[in-house]
Amino acid sequence: MTTSTFDYAVQPTSFGRKLDQWGCLWAKDIDHAYDLAMTFGEKATIWKCPHAGEPMAWVTVDQESISPVLPA
């Protein structure tokens, strides 16, 4: 059994460029994160959240497309 060193969180992209750990939805894995993102009805960001370190915007999910988040 492998243990993950990170978690996934999902929130509407309109929340801004910082993860709101109290306003996001936490996912059990990346597939669950994509499923959650599709329920928002608007563009959503999936965040990869390492157990040590800062969360990073991982991918943006829209109702019709999926895009990697590129550094600003």
N, C-alpha and C. Protein backbone atom coordinates (compact mmCIF):
# COMPACT_ATOMS: atom_id res chain seq x y z
N MET A 1 0.85 -1.18 0.00
CA MET A 1 0.00 0.00 0.00
C MET A 1 0.89 1.24 0.00
N THR A 2 0.61 2.14 -0.92
CA THR A 2 1.37 3.38 -0.96
C THR A 2 0.58 4.49 -0.27
N THR A 3 1.29 5.38 0.36
CA THR A 3 0.64 6.53 0.98
C THR A 3 1.01 7.77 0.20
N SER A 4 0.04 8.62 0.01
CA SER A 4 0.24 9.85 -0.75
C SER A 4 0.88 10.91 0.13
N THR A 5 1.68 11.75 -0.47
CA THR A 5 2.29 12.87 0.25
C THR A 5 1.59 14.18 -0.07
N PHE A 6 0.42 14.08 -0.70
CA PHE A 6 -0.36 15.28 -1.03
C PHE A 6 -1.84 14.92 -1.10
N ASP A 7 -2.67 15.96 -1.08
CA ASP A 7 -4.12 15.83 -1.25
C ASP A 7 -4.55 16.75 -2.38
N TYR A 8 -5.78 16.58 -2.83
CA TYR A 8 -6.36 17.45 -3.85
C TYR A 8 -7.51 18.23 -3.25
N ALA A 9 -7.62 19.50 -3.63
CA ALA A 9 -8.72 20.35 -3.23
C ALA A 9 -9.28 21.01 -4.49
N VAL A 10 -10.56 21.36 -4.45
CA VAL A 10 -11.23 21.96 -5.60
C VAL A 10 -12.00 23.18 -5.13
N GLN A 11 -11.90 24.26 -5.91
CA GLN A 11 -12.70 25.45 -5.62
C GLN A 11 -12.95 26.19 -6.92
N PRO A 12 -14.01 27.02 -6.95
CA PRO A 12 -14.25 27.82 -8.14
C PRO A 12 -13.04 28.72 -8.42
N THR A 13 -12.69 28.88 -9.68
CA THR A 13 -11.58 29.74 -10.06
C THR A 13 -11.84 31.18 -9.63
N SER A 14 -13.10 31.54 -9.53
CA SER A 14 -13.46 32.90 -9.12
C SER A 14 -13.03 33.22 -7.69
N PHE A 15 -12.64 32.21 -6.91
CA PHE A 15 -12.15 32.45 -5.54
C PHE A 15 -10.81 33.17 -5.56
N GLY A 16 -10.13 33.16 -6.70
CA GLY A 16 -8.85 33.85 -6.80
C GLY A 16 -7.68 32.90 -6.92
N ARG A 17 -6.48 33.45 -6.79
CA ARG A 17 -5.25 32.70 -7.04
C ARG A 17 -4.66 32.09 -5.77
N LYS A 18 -5.47 31.97 -4.72
CA LYS A 18 -4.99 31.38 -3.48
C LYS A 18 -6.03 30.37 -2.99
N LEU A 19 -5.56 29.24 -2.50
CA LEU A 19 -6.47 28.21 -2.01
C LEU A 19 -7.14 28.67 -0.72
N ASP A 20 -8.45 28.54 -0.66
CA ASP A 20 -9.22 28.80 0.56
C ASP A 20 -9.49 27.45 1.20
N GLN A 21 -8.65 27.06 2.16
CA GLN A 21 -8.77 25.72 2.73
C GLN A 21 -10.08 25.48 3.45
N TRP A 22 -10.78 26.53 3.83
CA TRP A 22 -12.08 26.35 4.51
C TRP A 22 -13.24 26.43 3.53
N GLY A 23 -13.02 27.02 2.35
CA GLY A 23 -14.10 27.17 1.37
C GLY A 23 -14.02 26.19 0.22
N CYS A 24 -12.94 25.43 0.16
CA CYS A 24 -12.77 24.45 -0.93
C CYS A 24 -13.46 23.13 -0.58
N LEU A 25 -13.51 22.26 -1.56
CA LEU A 25 -13.95 20.88 -1.33
C LEU A 25 -12.72 19.99 -1.44
N TRP A 26 -12.56 19.08 -0.50
CA TRP A 26 -11.41 18.18 -0.50
C TRP A 26 -11.80 16.89 -1.23
N ALA A 27 -10.90 16.41 -2.08
CA ALA A 27 -11.16 15.22 -2.89
C ALA A 27 -10.32 14.05 -2.39
N LYS A 28 -10.84 12.83 -2.57
CA LYS A 28 -10.10 11.65 -2.13
C LYS A 28 -9.00 11.25 -3.11
N ASP A 29 -9.14 11.65 -4.39
CA ASP A 29 -8.12 11.38 -5.41
C ASP A 29 -8.40 12.30 -6.60
N ILE A 30 -7.56 12.22 -7.63
CA ILE A 30 -7.69 13.13 -8.77
C ILE A 30 -9.00 12.91 -9.53
N ASP A 31 -9.46 11.67 -9.64
CA ASP A 31 -10.73 11.41 -10.32
C ASP A 31 -11.89 12.07 -9.58
N HIS A 32 -11.87 11.96 -8.25
CA HIS A 32 -12.90 12.59 -7.43
C HIS A 32 -12.82 14.11 -7.59
N ALA A 33 -11.60 14.66 -7.67
CA ALA A 33 -11.42 16.10 -7.86
C ALA A 33 -12.07 16.57 -9.17
N TYR A 34 -11.85 15.82 -10.25
CA TYR A 34 -12.48 16.18 -11.53
C TYR A 34 -14.00 16.11 -11.42
N ASP A 35 -14.51 15.09 -10.76
CA ASP A 35 -15.96 14.97 -10.58
C ASP A 35 -16.51 16.17 -9.80
N LEU A 36 -15.83 16.54 -8.72
CA LEU A 36 -16.27 17.69 -7.93
C LEU A 36 -16.22 18.97 -8.75
N ALA A 37 -15.17 19.16 -9.52
CA ALA A 37 -15.01 20.36 -10.33
C ALA A 37 -16.17 20.53 -11.31
N MET A 38 -16.65 19.44 -11.85
CA MET A 38 -17.73 19.50 -12.82
C MET A 38 -19.07 19.89 -12.18
N THR A 39 -19.19 19.82 -10.87
CA THR A 39 -20.45 20.15 -10.20
C THR A 39 -20.63 21.64 -9.94
N PHE A 40 -19.56 22.43 -10.09
CA PHE A 40 -19.65 23.85 -9.77
C PHE A 40 -20.49 24.66 -10.75
N GLY A 41 -20.57 24.22 -12.00
CA GLY A 41 -21.32 24.98 -12.99
C GLY A 41 -20.57 26.22 -13.45
N GLU A 42 -19.32 26.31 -13.10
CA GLU A 42 -18.44 27.40 -13.53
C GLU A 42 -17.01 26.85 -13.54
N LYS A 43 -16.08 27.64 -14.05
CA LYS A 43 -14.69 27.22 -14.10
C LYS A 43 -14.19 26.94 -12.68
N ALA A 44 -13.48 25.81 -12.50
CA ALA A 44 -12.97 25.43 -11.19
C ALA A 44 -11.48 25.11 -11.30
N THR A 45 -10.78 25.27 -10.18
CA THR A 45 -9.36 24.95 -10.12
C THR A 45 -9.16 23.77 -9.18
N ILE A 46 -8.40 22.79 -9.64
CA ILE A 46 -7.99 21.67 -8.79
C ILE A 46 -6.60 22.03 -8.26
N TRP A 47 -6.46 21.97 -6.95
CA TRP A 47 -5.21 22.29 -6.28
C TRP A 47 -4.54 21.02 -5.79
N LYS A 48 -3.24 20.93 -6.00
CA LYS A 48 -2.45 19.85 -5.44
C LYS A 48 -1.83 20.40 -4.15
N CYS A 49 -2.12 19.75 -3.05
CA CYS A 49 -1.74 20.27 -1.73
C CYS A 49 -0.79 19.30 -1.04
N PRO A 50 0.52 19.56 -1.11
CA PRO A 50 1.48 18.67 -0.45
C PRO A 50 1.31 18.75 1.07
N HIS A 51 1.62 17.68 1.76
CA HIS A 51 1.51 17.67 3.21
C HIS A 51 2.55 18.59 3.84
N ALA A 52 3.64 18.84 3.14
CA ALA A 52 4.66 19.80 3.57
C ALA A 52 4.89 20.76 2.41
N GLY A 53 4.62 22.02 2.61
CA GLY A 53 4.80 23.00 1.54
C GLY A 53 3.49 23.69 1.19
N GLU A 54 3.57 24.50 0.16
CA GLU A 54 2.43 25.32 -0.26
C GLU A 54 1.58 24.62 -1.32
N PRO A 55 0.25 24.82 -1.27
CA PRO A 55 -0.61 24.28 -2.32
C PRO A 55 -0.31 24.94 -3.66
N MET A 56 -0.52 24.18 -4.74
CA MET A 56 -0.29 24.74 -6.08
C MET A 56 -1.52 24.48 -6.95
N ALA A 57 -1.90 25.51 -7.70
CA ALA A 57 -3.00 25.34 -8.65
C ALA A 57 -2.53 24.33 -9.70
N TRP A 58 -3.25 23.23 -9.85
CA TRP A 58 -2.78 22.12 -10.67
C TRP A 58 -3.42 22.12 -12.06
N VAL A 59 -4.75 22.28 -12.10
CA VAL A 59 -5.46 22.24 -13.38
C VAL A 59 -6.76 23.03 -13.25
N THR A 60 -7.17 23.64 -14.37
CA THR A 60 -8.44 24.36 -14.42
C THR A 60 -9.43 23.52 -15.23
N VAL A 61 -10.61 23.36 -14.68
CA VAL A 61 -11.65 22.55 -15.31
C VAL A 61 -12.85 23.45 -15.62
N ASP A 62 -13.25 23.43 -16.88
CA ASP A 62 -14.44 24.15 -17.32
C ASP A 62 -15.44 23.09 -17.78
N GLN A 63 -16.66 23.46 -17.99
CA GLN A 63 -17.67 22.50 -18.41
C GLN A 63 -17.31 21.83 -19.73
N GLU A 64 -16.49 22.51 -20.55
CA GLU A 64 -16.17 21.97 -21.87
C GLU A 64 -14.68 21.72 -22.09
N SER A 65 -13.84 22.03 -21.12
CA SER A 65 -12.40 21.85 -21.35
C SER A 65 -11.64 21.67 -20.04
N ILE A 66 -10.42 21.15 -20.17
CA ILE A 66 -9.51 20.98 -19.05
C ILE A 66 -8.18 21.59 -19.48
N SER A 67 -7.62 22.48 -18.66
CA SER A 67 -6.39 23.15 -19.01
C SER A 67 -5.40 23.10 -17.86
N PRO A 68 -4.12 22.81 -18.14
CA PRO A 68 -3.13 22.90 -17.08
C PRO A 68 -2.96 24.35 -16.66
N VAL A 69 -2.69 24.56 -15.40
CA VAL A 69 -2.45 25.93 -14.90
C VAL A 69 -0.99 26.26 -15.15
N LEU A 70 -0.75 27.32 -15.88
CA LEU A 70 0.60 27.75 -16.19
C LEU A 70 1.04 28.82 -15.20
N PRO A 71 2.29 28.83 -14.82
CA PRO A 71 2.76 29.86 -13.87
C PRO A 71 2.52 31.26 -14.43
N ALA A 72 2.20 32.16 -13.53
CA ALA A 72 1.95 33.56 -13.93
C ALA A 72 3.25 34.30 -14.14
